[in-house]
Amino acid sequence: MRFSERPEHATELARAALKGGLATIIAVGGDGTINEVINRFFIDGLAINGSAVLAL
């Protein structure tokens, strides 16, 4: 479990988790947090982990 501490921190946490091999990301927060997390599932339009899922 990780907590975001500043704007764009959820972005960094999500990308690090996906690059680290995690396949399930659970995001709890408002639309800004969800947006930060889901947009980091991709780099240049390609999924970091094609089997990863986001739970809200």
PDB file of N, CA and C in Angstrom:
ATOM      1  N   MET A   1       0.852  -1.156   0.000  1.00  0.00           N
ATOM      2  CA  MET A   1       0.000   0.000   0.000  1.00  0.00           C
ATOM      3  C   MET A   1       0.908   1.232   0.000  1.00  0.00           C
ATOM      4  N   ARG A   2       0.542   2.186  -0.841  1.00  0.00           N
ATOM      5  CA  ARG A   2       1.274   3.446  -0.930  1.00  0.00           C
ATOM      6  C   ARG A   2       0.271   4.598  -0.895  1.00  0.00           C
ATOM      7  N   PHE A   3       0.679   5.706  -0.355  1.00  0.00           N
ATOM      8  CA  PHE A   3      -0.149   6.903  -0.308  1.00  0.00           C
ATOM      9  C   PHE A   3       0.526   7.999  -1.121  1.00  0.00           C
ATOM     10  N   SER A   4      -0.254   8.674  -1.941  1.00  0.00           N
ATOM     11  CA  SER A   4       0.328   9.789  -2.691  1.00  0.00           C
ATOM     12  C   SER A   4       0.489  10.975  -1.740  1.00  0.00           C
ATOM     13  N   GLU A   5       1.546  11.726  -1.965  1.00  0.00           N
ATOM     14  CA  GLU A   5       1.881  12.823  -1.069  1.00  0.00           C
ATOM     15  C   GLU A   5       1.821  14.195  -1.723  1.00  0.00           C
ATOM     16  N   ARG A   6       1.678  14.208  -3.050  1.00  0.00           N
ATOM     17  CA  ARG A   6       1.682  15.480  -3.772  1.00  0.00           C
ATOM     18  C   ARG A   6       1.100  15.249  -5.161  1.00  0.00           C
ATOM     19  N   PRO A   7       0.794  16.309  -5.879  1.00  0.00           N
ATOM     20  CA  PRO A   7       0.316  16.129  -7.253  1.00  0.00           C
ATOM     21  C   PRO A   7       1.323  15.332  -8.081  1.00  0.00           C
ATOM     22  N   GLU A   8       0.819  14.455  -8.902  1.00  0.00           N
ATOM     23  CA  GLU A   8       1.594  13.582  -9.785  1.00  0.00           C
ATOM     24  C   GLU A   8       2.324  12.447  -9.066  1.00  0.00           C
ATOM     25  N   HIS A   9       2.215  12.381  -7.749  1.00  0.00           N
ATOM     26  CA  HIS A   9       2.875  11.296  -7.022  1.00  0.00           C
ATOM     27  C   HIS A   9       2.185   9.960  -7.319  1.00  0.00           C
ATOM     28  N   ALA A  10       0.868   9.960  -7.453  1.00  0.00           N
ATOM     29  CA  ALA A  10       0.158   8.724  -7.810  1.00  0.00           C
ATOM     30  C   ALA A  10       0.628   8.212  -9.166  1.00  0.00           C
ATOM     31  N   THR A  11       0.965   9.127 -10.048  1.00  0.00           N
ATOM     32  CA  THR A  11       1.518   8.787 -11.356  1.00  0.00           C
ATOM     33  C   THR A  11       2.817   7.999 -11.187  1.00  0.00           C
ATOM     34  N   GLU A  12       3.710   8.512 -10.386  1.00  0.00           N
ATOM     35  CA  GLU A  12       4.996   7.860 -10.152  1.00  0.00           C
ATOM     36  C   GLU A  12       4.823   6.501  -9.494  1.00  0.00           C
ATOM     37  N   LEU A  13       3.939   6.429  -8.519  1.00  0.00           N
ATOM     38  CA  LEU A  13       3.709   5.168  -7.810  1.00  0.00           C
ATOM     39  C   LEU A  13       3.136   4.103  -8.744  1.00  0.00           C
ATOM     40  N   ALA A  14       2.179   4.484  -9.564  1.00  0.00           N
ATOM     41  CA  ALA A  14       1.560   3.526 -10.488  1.00  0.00           C
ATOM     42  C   ALA A  14       2.570   3.016 -11.500  1.00  0.00           C
ATOM     43  N   ARG A  15       3.329   3.903 -12.086  1.00  0.00           N
ATOM     44  CA  ARG A  15       4.306   3.483 -13.091  1.00  0.00           C
ATOM     45  C   ARG A  15       5.366   2.574 -12.474  1.00  0.00           C
ATOM     46  N   ALA A  16       5.851   2.906 -11.303  1.00  0.00           N
ATOM     47  CA  ALA A  16       6.856   2.072 -10.642  1.00  0.00           C
ATOM     48  C   ALA A  16       6.293   0.688 -10.332  1.00  0.00           C
ATOM     49  N   ALA A  17       5.061   0.630  -9.888  1.00  0.00           N
ATOM     50  CA  ALA A  17       4.436  -0.653  -9.574  1.00  0.00           C
ATOM     51  C   ALA A  17       4.291  -1.509 -10.824  1.00  0.00           C
ATOM     52  N   LEU A  18       3.841  -0.914 -11.910  1.00  0.00           N
ATOM     53  CA  LEU A  18       3.663  -1.650 -13.153  1.00  0.00           C
ATOM     54  C   LEU A  18       4.998  -2.119 -13.719  1.00  0.00           C
ATOM     55  N   LYS A  19       5.988  -1.261 -13.685  1.00  0.00           N
ATOM     56  CA  LYS A  19       7.316  -1.650 -14.167  1.00  0.00           C
ATOM     57  C   LYS A  19       7.927  -2.721 -13.275  1.00  0.00           C
ATOM     58  N   GLY A  20       7.531  -2.731 -12.009  1.00  0.00           N
ATOM     59  CA  GLY A  20       8.013  -3.728 -11.064  1.00  0.00           C
ATOM     60  C   GLY A  20       7.311  -5.069 -11.181  1.00  0.00           C
ATOM     61  N   GLY A  21       6.330  -5.150 -12.091  1.00  0.00           N
ATOM     62  CA  GLY A  21       5.673  -6.420 -12.352  1.00  0.00           C
ATOM     63  C   GLY A  21       4.315  -6.623 -11.710  1.00  0.00           C
ATOM     64  N   LEU A  22       3.825  -5.657 -10.963  1.00  0.00           N
ATOM     65  CA  LEU A  22       2.492  -5.823 -10.383  1.00  0.00           C
ATOM     66  C   LEU A  22       1.434  -5.778 -11.469  1.00  0.00           C
ATOM     67  N   ALA A  23       0.410  -6.594 -11.319  1.00  0.00           N
ATOM     68  CA  ALA A  23      -0.617  -6.677 -12.351  1.00  0.00           C
ATOM     69  C   ALA A  23      -1.953  -6.092 -11.913  1.00  0.00           C
ATOM     70  N   THR A  24      -2.121  -5.820 -10.634  1.00  0.00           N
ATOM     71  CA  THR A  24      -3.359  -5.221 -10.138  1.00  0.00           C
ATOM     72  C   THR A  24      -3.010  -3.968  -9.355  1.00  0.00           C
ATOM     73  N   ILE A  25      -3.573  -2.865  -9.790  1.00  0.00           N
ATOM     74  CA  ILE A  25      -3.400  -1.586  -9.105  1.00  0.00           C
ATOM     75  C   ILE A  25      -4.774  -1.176  -8.583  1.00  0.00           C
ATOM     76  N   ILE A  26      -4.842  -0.863  -7.310  1.00  0.00           N
ATOM     77  CA  ILE A  26      -6.089  -0.390  -6.712  1.00  0.00           C
ATOM     78  C   ILE A  26      -5.889   1.081  -6.375  1.00  0.00           C
ATOM     79  N   ALA A  27      -6.730   1.922  -6.934  1.00  0.00           N
ATOM     80  CA  ALA A  27      -6.642   3.360  -6.686  1.00  0.00           C
ATOM     81  C   ALA A  27      -7.870   3.804  -5.895  1.00  0.00           C
ATOM     82  N   VAL A  28      -7.631   4.519  -4.824  1.00  0.00           N
ATOM     83  CA  VAL A  28      -8.704   5.046  -3.990  1.00  0.00           C
ATOM     84  C   VAL A  28      -8.524   6.556  -3.952  1.00  0.00           C
ATOM     85  N   GLY A  29      -9.520   7.263  -4.402  1.00  0.00           N
ATOM     86  CA  GLY A  29      -9.428   8.717  -4.407  1.00  0.00           C
ATOM     87  C   GLY A  29     -10.457   9.303  -5.348  1.00  0.00           C
ATOM     88  N   GLY A  30     -10.227  10.520  -5.702  1.00  0.00           N
ATOM     89  CA  GLY A  30     -11.143  11.218  -6.594  1.00  0.00           C
ATOM     90  C   GLY A  30     -10.739  11.070  -8.049  1.00  0.00           C
ATOM     91  N   ASP A  31     -11.410  11.835  -8.897  1.00  0.00           N
ATOM     92  CA  ASP A  31     -11.157  11.709 -10.327  1.00  0.00           C
ATOM     93  C   ASP A  31      -9.730  12.103 -10.698  1.00  0.00           C
ATOM     94  N   GLY A  32      -9.103  12.999  -9.963  1.00  0.00           N
ATOM     95  CA  GLY A  32      -7.724  13.377 -10.242  1.00  0.00           C
ATOM     96  C   GLY A  32      -6.757  12.232  -9.986  1.00  0.00           C
ATOM     97  N   THR A  33      -6.964  11.541  -8.885  1.00  0.00           N
ATOM     98  CA  THR A  33      -6.114  10.390  -8.562  1.00  0.00           C
ATOM     99  C   THR A  33      -6.294   9.286  -9.587  1.00  0.00           C
ATOM    100  N   ILE A  34      -7.532   8.989  -9.922  1.00  0.00           N
ATOM    101  CA  ILE A  34      -7.817   7.927 -10.895  1.00  0.00           C
ATOM    102  C   ILE A  34      -7.184   8.282 -12.243  1.00  0.00           C
ATOM    103  N   ASN A  35      -7.303   9.524 -12.653  1.00  0.00           N
ATOM    104  CA  ASN A  35      -6.719   9.976 -13.916  1.00  0.00           C
ATOM    105  C   ASN A  35      -5.198   9.814 -13.906  1.00  0.00           C
ATOM    106  N   GLU A  36      -4.561  10.213 -12.827  1.00  0.00           N
ATOM    107  CA  GLU A  36      -3.112  10.076 -12.732  1.00  0.00           C
ATOM    108  C   GLU A  36      -2.694   8.612 -12.867  1.00  0.00           C
ATOM    109  N   VAL A  37      -3.412   7.736 -12.198  1.00  0.00           N
ATOM    110  CA  VAL A  37      -3.045   6.322 -12.185  1.00  0.00           C
ATOM    111  C   VAL A  37      -3.282   5.672 -13.547  1.00  0.00           C
ATOM    112  N   ILE A  38      -4.461   5.813 -14.111  1.00  0.00           N
ATOM    113  CA  ILE A  38      -4.784   5.100 -15.358  1.00  0.00           C
ATOM    114  C   ILE A  38      -3.914   5.583 -16.523  1.00  0.00           C
ATOM    115  N   ASN A  39      -3.585   6.838 -16.549  1.00  0.00           N
ATOM    116  CA  ASN A  39      -2.764   7.347 -17.649  1.00  0.00           C
ATOM    117  C   ASN A  39      -1.334   6.828 -17.603  1.00  0.00           C
ATOM    118  N   ARG A  40      -0.905   6.295 -16.481  1.00  0.00           N
ATOM    119  CA  ARG A  40       0.452   5.778 -16.379  1.00  0.00           C
ATOM    120  C   ARG A  40       0.526   4.280 -16.636  1.00  0.00           C
ATOM    121  N   PHE A  41      -0.568   3.707 -17.074  1.00  0.00           N
ATOM    122  CA  PHE A  41      -0.552   2.315 -17.517  1.00  0.00           C
ATOM    123  C   PHE A  41       0.096   2.206 -18.893  1.00  0.00           C
ATOM    124  N   PHE A  42       0.338   3.360 -19.530  1.00  0.00           N
ATOM    125  CA  PHE A  42       0.830   3.391 -20.904  1.00  0.00           C
ATOM    126  C   PHE A  42       2.054   4.285 -21.048  1.00  0.00           C
ATOM    127  N   ILE A  43       2.935   3.913 -21.954  1.00  0.00           N
ATOM    128  CA  ILE A  43       4.053   4.762 -22.372  1.00  0.00           C
ATOM    129  C   ILE A  43       3.976   4.840 -23.887  1.00  0.00           C
ATOM    130  N   ASP A  44       3.856   6.048 -24.405  1.00  0.00           N
ATOM    131  CA  ASP A  44       3.732   6.267 -25.849  1.00  0.00           C
ATOM    132  C   ASP A  44       2.609   5.425 -26.458  1.00  0.00           C
ATOM    133  N   GLY A  45       1.502   5.314 -25.738  1.00  0.00           N
ATOM    134  CA  GLY A  45       0.333   4.592 -26.237  1.00  0.00           C
ATOM    135  C   GLY A  45       0.387   3.082 -26.087  1.00  0.00           C
ATOM    136  N   LEU A  46       1.473   2.560 -25.544  1.00  0.00           N
ATOM    137  CA  LEU A  46       1.607   1.116 -25.366  1.00  0.00           C
ATOM    138  C   LEU A  46       1.540   0.768 -23.886  1.00  0.00           C
ATOM    139  N   ALA A  47       0.807  -0.307 -23.572  1.00  0.00           N
ATOM    140  CA  ALA A  47       0.653  -0.731 -22.186  1.00  0.00           C
ATOM    141  C   ALA A  47       1.986  -1.178 -21.610  1.00  0.00           C
ATOM    142  N   ILE A  48       2.273  -0.766 -20.398  1.00  0.00           N
ATOM    143  CA  ILE A  48       3.477  -1.208 -19.708  1.00  0.00           C
ATOM    144  C   ILE A  48       3.364  -2.699 -19.406  1.00  0.00           C
ATOM    145  N   ASN A  49       2.192  -3.111 -18.962  1.00  0.00           N
ATOM    146  CA  ASN A  49       1.916  -4.505 -18.655  1.00  0.00           C
ATOM    147  C   ASN A  49       0.536  -4.802 -19.227  1.00  0.00           C
ATOM    148  N   GLY A  50       0.494  -5.536 -20.323  1.00  0.00           N
ATOM    149  CA  GLY A  50      -0.755  -5.795 -21.033  1.00  0.00           C
ATOM    150  C   GLY A  50      -1.797  -6.558 -20.241  1.00  0.00           C
ATOM    151  N   SER A  51      -1.407  -7.198 -19.157  1.00  0.00           N
ATOM    152  CA  SER A  51      -2.372  -7.942 -18.356  1.00  0.00           C
ATOM    153  C   SER A  51      -2.757  -7.187 -17.076  1.00  0.00           C
ATOM    154  N   ALA A  52      -2.231  -5.988 -16.893  1.00  0.00           N
ATOM    155  CA  ALA A  52      -2.526  -5.221 -15.684  1.00  0.00           C
ATOM    156  C   ALA A  52      -3.961  -4.715 -15.687  1.00  0.00           C
ATOM    157  N   VAL A  53      -4.535  -4.626 -14.492  1.00  0.00           N
ATOM    158  CA  VAL A  53      -5.897  -4.112 -14.327  1.00  0.00           C
ATOM    159  C   VAL A  53      -5.905  -3.027 -13.261  1.00  0.00           C
ATOM    160  N   LEU A  54      -6.881  -2.142 -13.372  1.00  0.00           N
ATOM    161  CA  LEU A  54      -7.082  -1.099 -12.384  1.00  0.00           C
ATOM    162  C   LEU A  54      -8.398  -1.346 -11.666  1.00  0.00           C
ATOM    163  N   ALA A  55      -8.330  -1.394 -10.358  1.00  0.00           N
ATOM    164  CA  ALA A  55      -9.533  -1.516  -9.533  1.00  0.00           C
ATOM    165  C   ALA A  55      -9.775  -0.182  -8.839  1.00  0.00           C
ATOM    166  N   LEU A  56     -11.038   0.194  -8.760  1.00  0.00           N
ATOM    167  CA  LEU A  56     -11.393   1.467  -8.111  1.00  0.00           C
ATOM    168  C   LEU A  56     -12.097   1.185  -6.817  1.00  0.00           C
TER     169      LEU A  56
END
